[in-house]
């Protein structure tokens, strides 16, 4: 198995563990940061991700995007978690930590990027989903393996909440059709609705 395939396998194993944890104890995750930490923990348990490559860590949180966004004032977005391509990690091992992102991001390649979202109420989701997908599918310097992970923490005993979940799920299914390389997940906290990990 090639290294890239091993990395993808490790990421999907970590995601599967997070799904299991979330549905077993949804109250344990009060915000997205809790989910990031759990996912990071599972990733770092893989021996080939635990160690660094040539003085460069491969797993990073809140890693900036290559592209800048905005009209009046442009700023970078951030991915929740990334795994860098180890081949580019050798290139940046001598780059000091005070080097600007403009320089650093031209040298490094993002192999895997993940965005994690928790939905806890019936607020409109369209803008948030579109923004996250825009980051994950930027064409200028594309991520090889983008993942968009949605965790829905609602009171599913209420019909309005079930309807909201179905609307979100359908919107994500439509996005998955537009972006076939993007792996999208929509997980309800109620395992009776959807018990297993299911990519859209």
Protein backbone atom coordinates (compact mmCIF):
# COMPACT_ATOMS: atom_id res chain seq x y z
CA UNK A 1 0.00 0.00 0.00
CA UNK A 2 1.37 3.41 -0.96
CA UNK A 3 1.93 6.05 1.71
CA UNK A 4 -0.89 8.29 0.43
CA UNK A 5 -3.35 5.39 0.61
CA UNK A 6 -2.21 4.62 4.15
CA UNK A 7 -2.82 8.24 5.16
CA UNK A 8 -6.32 8.19 3.68
CA UNK A 9 -7.05 4.88 5.43
CA UNK A 10 -5.84 6.34 8.75
CA UNK A 11 -8.01 9.44 8.34
CA UNK A 12 -11.12 7.42 7.56
CA UNK A 13 -10.46 5.13 10.52
CA UNK A 14 -10.14 8.20 12.79
CA UNK A 15 -13.37 9.65 11.36
CA UNK A 16 -15.16 6.34 11.92
CA UNK A 17 -14.02 6.38 15.57
CA UNK A 18 -15.28 9.95 15.95
CA UNK A 19 -18.67 9.00 14.51
CA UNK A 20 -18.93 6.11 16.99
CA UNK A 21 -18.00 8.39 19.91
CA UNK A 22 -20.44 11.08 18.83
CA UNK A 23 -23.41 8.76 18.55
CA UNK A 24 -22.55 6.90 21.75
CA UNK A 25 -22.26 10.09 23.79
CA UNK A 26 -23.33 13.19 21.83
CA UNK A 27 -23.41 15.31 24.99
CA UNK A 28 -19.65 14.85 25.27
CA UNK A 29 -19.12 17.19 22.35
CA UNK A 30 -20.15 20.72 23.29
CA UNK A 31 -18.48 22.48 20.36
CA UNK A 32 -16.43 21.89 17.23
CA UNK A 33 -13.15 22.23 19.11
CA UNK A 34 -14.02 19.12 21.13
CA UNK A 35 -14.43 17.23 17.87
CA UNK A 36 -11.17 18.57 16.46
CA UNK A 37 -9.29 17.40 19.56
CA UNK A 38 -10.80 13.93 19.41
CA UNK A 39 -10.06 13.58 15.71
CA UNK A 40 -6.50 14.84 16.24
CA UNK A 41 -6.06 12.31 19.06
CA UNK A 42 -7.13 9.42 16.84
CA UNK A 43 -4.90 10.58 13.99
CA UNK A 44 -1.84 10.84 16.20
CA UNK A 45 -2.34 7.25 17.37
CA UNK A 46 -1.21 6.08 13.92
CA UNK A 47 2.51 5.44 14.21
CA UNK A 48 3.37 6.97 10.83
CA UNK A 49 1.49 10.17 11.76
CA UNK A 50 2.70 10.25 15.35
CA UNK A 51 6.30 10.88 14.42
CA UNK A 52 7.44 13.88 12.45
CA UNK A 53 9.10 13.91 9.05
CA UNK A 54 12.46 15.64 8.80
CA UNK A 55 11.62 18.00 11.66
CA UNK A 56 8.17 18.84 10.30
CA UNK A 57 4.90 17.71 11.86
CA UNK A 58 2.44 16.39 9.31
CA UNK A 59 -0.80 16.85 11.29
CA UNK A 60 -1.82 20.46 11.92
CA UNK A 61 -4.90 22.22 13.27
CA UNK A 62 -6.23 25.56 12.00
CA UNK A 63 -3.95 25.46 8.99
CA UNK A 64 -4.30 28.41 6.59
CA UNK A 65 -5.60 28.07 3.06
CA UNK A 66 -3.43 28.95 0.10
CA UNK A 67 -6.07 31.32 -1.27
CA UNK A 68 -7.10 34.62 0.29
CA UNK A 69 -10.76 35.63 0.35
CA UNK A 70 -12.66 38.89 0.52
CA UNK A 71 -13.09 42.00 -1.60
CA UNK A 72 -12.18 45.06 0.47
CA UNK A 73 -9.82 43.24 2.81
CA UNK A 74 -8.48 39.82 1.81
CA UNK A 75 -7.69 37.23 4.46
CA UNK A 76 -6.87 33.55 4.45
CA UNK A 77 -9.35 30.94 5.52
CA UNK A 78 -8.32 28.03 7.73
CA UNK A 79 -8.83 24.30 7.52
CA UNK A 80 -9.79 22.64 10.81
CA UNK A 81 -7.23 19.84 10.38
CA UNK A 82 -4.71 18.96 7.69
CA UNK A 83 -2.15 16.31 6.91
CA UNK A 84 0.75 17.63 4.88
CA UNK A 85 2.28 15.70 2.03
CA UNK A 86 5.50 14.24 3.49
CA UNK A 87 7.32 14.87 0.21
CA UNK A 88 6.82 18.61 0.61
CA UNK A 89 7.61 18.37 4.33
CA UNK A 90 11.23 17.67 3.41
CA UNK A 91 11.26 20.96 1.47
CA UNK A 92 10.23 23.10 4.44
CA UNK A 93 12.33 21.52 7.17
CA UNK A 94 14.83 24.40 7.05
CA UNK A 95 12.17 27.11 6.88
CA UNK A 96 12.19 29.02 10.19
CA UNK A 97 8.87 29.34 12.07
CA UNK A 98 8.78 33.11 11.59
CA UNK A 99 8.65 32.73 7.80
CA UNK A 100 5.51 34.37 6.39
CA UNK A 101 2.61 32.22 5.23
CA UNK A 102 2.99 33.72 1.75
CA UNK A 103 6.35 31.95 1.46
CA UNK A 104 5.61 28.81 3.48
CA UNK A 105 2.40 27.92 1.66
CA UNK A 106 4.12 27.97 -1.73
CA UNK A 107 6.50 25.25 -0.49
CA UNK A 108 4.12 22.85 1.24
CA UNK A 109 1.37 20.64 -0.17
CA UNK A 110 -1.78 19.71 1.75
CA UNK A 111 -2.53 16.03 1.16
CA UNK A 112 -5.68 15.87 3.32
CA UNK A 113 -7.82 18.70 4.66
CA UNK A 114 -10.84 18.41 6.94
CA UNK A 115 -13.62 20.77 7.93
CA UNK A 116 -15.78 19.74 10.89
CA UNK A 117 -19.18 21.29 11.58
CA UNK A 118 -21.64 20.76 14.45
CA UNK A 119 -25.24 21.78 13.81
CA UNK A 120 -27.13 22.34 17.07
CA UNK A 121 -30.16 24.35 15.97
CA UNK A 122 -32.32 25.17 12.96
CA UNK A 123 -30.31 28.16 11.74
CA UNK A 124 -29.79 28.55 8.01
CA UNK A 125 -26.89 26.40 6.89
CA UNK A 126 -26.36 27.42 3.26
CA UNK A 127 -23.72 30.14 3.71
CA UNK A 128 -21.65 28.09 6.18
CA UNK A 129 -21.71 25.01 3.98
CA UNK A 130 -20.81 27.03 0.87
CA UNK A 131 -17.89 28.72 2.66
CA UNK A 132 -16.41 25.46 3.94
CA UNK A 133 -16.76 23.79 0.55
CA UNK A 134 -15.17 26.79 -1.16
CA UNK A 135 -12.07 26.37 1.01
CA UNK A 136 -11.90 22.61 0.45
CA UNK A 137 -12.28 22.85 -3.33
CA UNK A 138 -10.16 25.88 -4.15
CA UNK A 139 -8.73 25.28 -7.64
CA UNK A 140 -5.48 27.25 -7.43
CA UNK A 141 -3.66 24.81 -5.17
CA UNK A 142 -6.12 21.96 -4.62
CA UNK A 143 -6.20 19.62 -1.65
CA UNK A 144 -5.68 16.03 -2.81
CA UNK A 145 -8.23 14.53 -0.38
CA UNK A 146 -10.80 16.98 1.07
CA UNK A 147 -13.27 15.92 3.79
CA UNK A 148 -16.34 17.79 4.99
CA UNK A 149 -17.71 16.30 8.23
CA UNK A 150 -21.12 17.39 9.53
CA UNK A 151 -22.43 16.30 12.92
CA UNK A 152 -26.08 17.09 13.67
CA UNK A 153 -26.98 17.43 17.35
CA UNK A 154 -30.73 18.03 17.44
CA UNK A 155 -33.78 16.88 19.35
CA UNK A 156 -35.01 14.36 16.80
CA UNK A 157 -38.21 13.70 18.76
CA UNK A 158 -39.48 16.95 17.18
CA UNK A 159 -40.69 16.82 13.57
CA UNK A 160 -39.23 20.27 12.80
CA UNK A 161 -35.78 19.05 13.76
CA UNK A 162 -36.12 15.90 11.66
CA UNK A 163 -37.19 18.04 8.71
CA UNK A 164 -34.24 20.38 9.22
CA UNK A 165 -31.84 17.44 9.27
CA UNK A 166 -33.31 16.08 6.01
CA UNK A 167 -32.98 19.52 4.37
CA UNK A 168 -29.32 19.78 5.42
CA UNK A 169 -28.64 16.23 4.29
CA UNK A 170 -30.21 16.88 0.88
CA UNK A 171 -28.21 20.08 0.41
CA UNK A 172 -25.01 18.19 1.21
CA UNK A 173 -25.98 15.40 -1.20
CA UNK A 174 -26.41 18.03 -3.92
CA UNK A 175 -22.98 19.46 -3.11
CA UNK A 176 -21.43 15.99 -3.24
CA UNK A 177 -22.74 15.64 -6.79
CA UNK A 178 -21.06 18.93 -7.73
CA UNK A 179 -17.73 18.00 -6.12
CA UNK A 180 -17.09 14.26 -6.64
CA UNK A 181 -13.61 14.39 -5.04
CA UNK A 182 -15.02 15.90 -1.85
CA UNK A 183 -15.94 13.32 0.80
CA UNK A 184 -19.00 14.56 2.69
CA UNK A 185 -20.50 13.10 5.83
CA UNK A 186 -23.74 14.01 7.64
CA UNK A 187 -24.13 12.23 10.98
CA UNK A 188 -27.15 12.59 13.30
CA UNK A 189 -26.60 12.15 17.02
CA UNK A 190 -29.47 9.65 17.03
CA UNK A 191 -28.05 6.33 15.79
CA UNK A 192 -31.58 5.02 15.16
CA UNK A 193 -31.84 7.48 12.25
CA UNK A 194 -28.50 6.52 10.74
CA UNK A 195 -26.43 3.99 12.66
CA UNK A 196 -23.39 3.69 10.40
CA UNK A 197 -20.85 5.96 8.77
CA UNK A 198 -22.31 6.84 5.37
CA UNK A 199 -20.55 9.00 2.81
CA UNK A 200 -22.87 11.12 0.70
